[in-house]
Amino acid sequence: MKDELPEVIPLRDARPSRPENAVGIGEFWYEPEVWSLPISPAARVLYTTLCSCLRRGEINHHDLRDALKTSPDAEIAATLRDLVSHNLLSPTPRGYAVNPVEEFRAGSG
């Protein structure tokens, strides 16, 4: 993905069923281990934001900007690439699959 963000990014949940220690309500959850991963604070916030949008299957540009309020689109796009480099996101033909925290790997970002 370029530094331009589309109006809507389709999302797919590639995580297994909700673990007992998940944070959130019902289908809106994330794994708290994300907060201890060696990634940027912006990447942690964006990952949890993406998790909160999985039920509807997409995130819009406005919600991306709300998640990282002080970041321009180019920085948000770079944060998405950072999550991909750490295997927390996988590109799909139209958007991203959100992977479980256990699939984290040290990346170049």
Protein backbone atom coordinates (compact mmCIF):
# COMPACT_ATOMS: atom_id res chain seq x y z
CA MET A 1 0.00 0.00 0.00
CA LYS A 2 1.27 3.46 -0.83
CA ASP A 3 1.25 6.41 1.53
CA GLU A 4 -2.24 7.24 0.29
CA LEU A 5 -4.95 5.61 2.36
CA PRO A 6 -8.11 4.35 0.70
CA GLU A 7 -11.46 5.51 1.99
CA VAL A 8 -12.20 1.97 3.27
CA ILE A 9 -9.84 -0.92 4.00
CA PRO A 10 -11.45 -4.38 4.14
CA LEU A 11 -10.40 -6.48 7.14
CA ARG A 12 -10.54 -10.21 7.86
CA ASP A 13 -10.08 -11.84 11.25
CA ALA A 14 -7.33 -14.49 11.05
CA ARG A 15 -7.19 -14.93 14.83
CA PRO A 16 -8.40 -18.11 16.50
CA SER A 17 -11.28 -18.03 18.94
CA ARG A 18 -11.24 -15.48 21.74
CA PRO A 19 -8.72 -16.39 24.46
CA GLU A 20 -9.68 -16.22 28.14
CA ASN A 21 -7.42 -13.23 28.77
CA ALA A 22 -8.79 -11.17 25.87
CA VAL A 23 -9.60 -7.51 26.50
CA GLY A 24 -12.91 -6.23 25.20
CA ILE A 25 -16.57 -7.11 25.04
CA GLY A 26 -18.10 -9.88 22.94
CA GLU A 27 -16.69 -9.95 19.43
CA PHE A 28 -14.78 -6.70 20.02
CA TRP A 29 -11.57 -7.96 21.61
CA TYR A 30 -7.80 -7.96 21.35
CA GLU A 31 -4.97 -9.84 23.04
CA PRO A 32 -3.40 -7.76 25.84
CA GLU A 33 0.04 -9.16 24.99
CA VAL A 34 0.19 -6.62 22.14
CA TRP A 35 1.12 -3.95 24.72
CA SER A 36 4.36 -5.78 25.60
CA LEU A 37 5.55 -6.41 22.03
CA PRO A 38 8.68 -4.58 20.83
CA ILE A 39 6.78 -2.40 18.35
CA SER A 40 6.01 1.30 18.32
CA PRO A 41 3.21 2.71 20.46
CA ALA A 42 1.45 3.76 17.24
CA ALA A 43 1.57 0.17 15.95
CA ARG A 44 0.06 -1.12 19.22
CA VAL A 45 -2.77 1.43 19.07
CA LEU A 46 -3.44 0.75 15.40
CA TYR A 47 -3.47 -3.03 15.93
CA THR A 48 -6.04 -2.77 18.73
CA THR A 49 -8.10 -0.37 16.62
CA LEU A 50 -8.10 -2.81 13.72
CA CYS A 51 -9.20 -5.58 16.10
CA SER A 52 -12.15 -3.44 17.18
CA CYS A 53 -13.26 -3.08 13.55
CA LEU A 54 -13.10 -6.77 12.62
CA ARG A 55 -16.76 -7.53 13.24
CA ARG A 56 -17.85 -5.01 10.61
CA GLY A 57 -15.08 -6.27 8.29
CA GLU A 58 -13.57 -2.90 7.44
CA ILE A 59 -12.01 0.27 8.75
CA ASN A 60 -12.58 3.63 7.16
CA HIS A 61 -10.15 6.48 6.67
CA HIS A 62 -11.80 8.57 9.38
CA ASP A 63 -11.35 5.79 11.99
CA LEU A 64 -7.68 5.36 11.03
CA ARG A 65 -7.12 9.07 11.53
CA ASP A 66 -9.00 9.01 14.85
CA ALA A 67 -6.80 6.15 16.09
CA LEU A 68 -3.57 8.02 15.38
CA LYS A 69 -4.72 11.60 15.77
CA THR A 70 -1.38 13.35 15.36
CA SER A 71 -0.21 11.22 12.42
CA PRO A 72 -0.54 12.22 8.78
CA ASP A 73 -1.67 9.61 6.26
CA ALA A 74 1.92 8.77 5.30
CA GLU A 75 2.73 7.83 8.92
CA ILE A 76 -0.46 5.77 9.23
CA ALA A 77 0.45 3.91 6.02
CA ALA A 78 3.96 3.33 7.40
CA THR A 79 2.45 1.94 10.63
CA LEU A 80 0.30 -0.47 8.61
CA ARG A 81 3.47 -1.62 6.81
CA ASP A 82 5.19 -2.01 10.18
CA LEU A 83 2.39 -4.30 11.37
CA VAL A 84 2.80 -6.34 8.17
CA SER A 85 6.57 -6.60 8.72
CA HIS A 86 5.88 -8.05 12.18
CA ASN A 87 3.27 -10.49 10.83
CA LEU A 88 0.46 -8.91 12.85
CA LEU A 89 -1.24 -8.06 9.55
CA SER A 90 -1.18 -9.97 6.29
CA PRO A 91 -2.02 -8.23 3.03
CA THR A 92 -5.00 -9.66 1.17
CA PRO A 93 -6.05 -8.81 -2.40
CA ARG A 94 -8.28 -5.98 -1.13
CA GLY A 95 -7.18 -5.22 2.43
CA TYR A 96 -5.64 -6.97 5.43
CA ALA A 97 -6.06 -10.05 7.59
CA VAL A 98 -5.46 -9.38 11.29
CA ASN A 99 -3.25 -12.12 12.73
CA PRO A 100 -3.03 -13.22 16.37
CA VAL A 101 -0.31 -11.74 18.56
CA GLU A 102 1.28 -15.19 18.84
CA GLU A 103 2.29 -14.90 15.16
CA PHE A 104 4.42 -11.83 15.93
CA ARG A 105 7.92 -11.95 14.52
CA ALA A 106 10.69 -9.42 14.74
CA GLY A 107 10.67 -7.43 11.54
CA SER A 108 12.77 -4.77 10.00
CA GLY A 109 10.46 -2.00 11.23
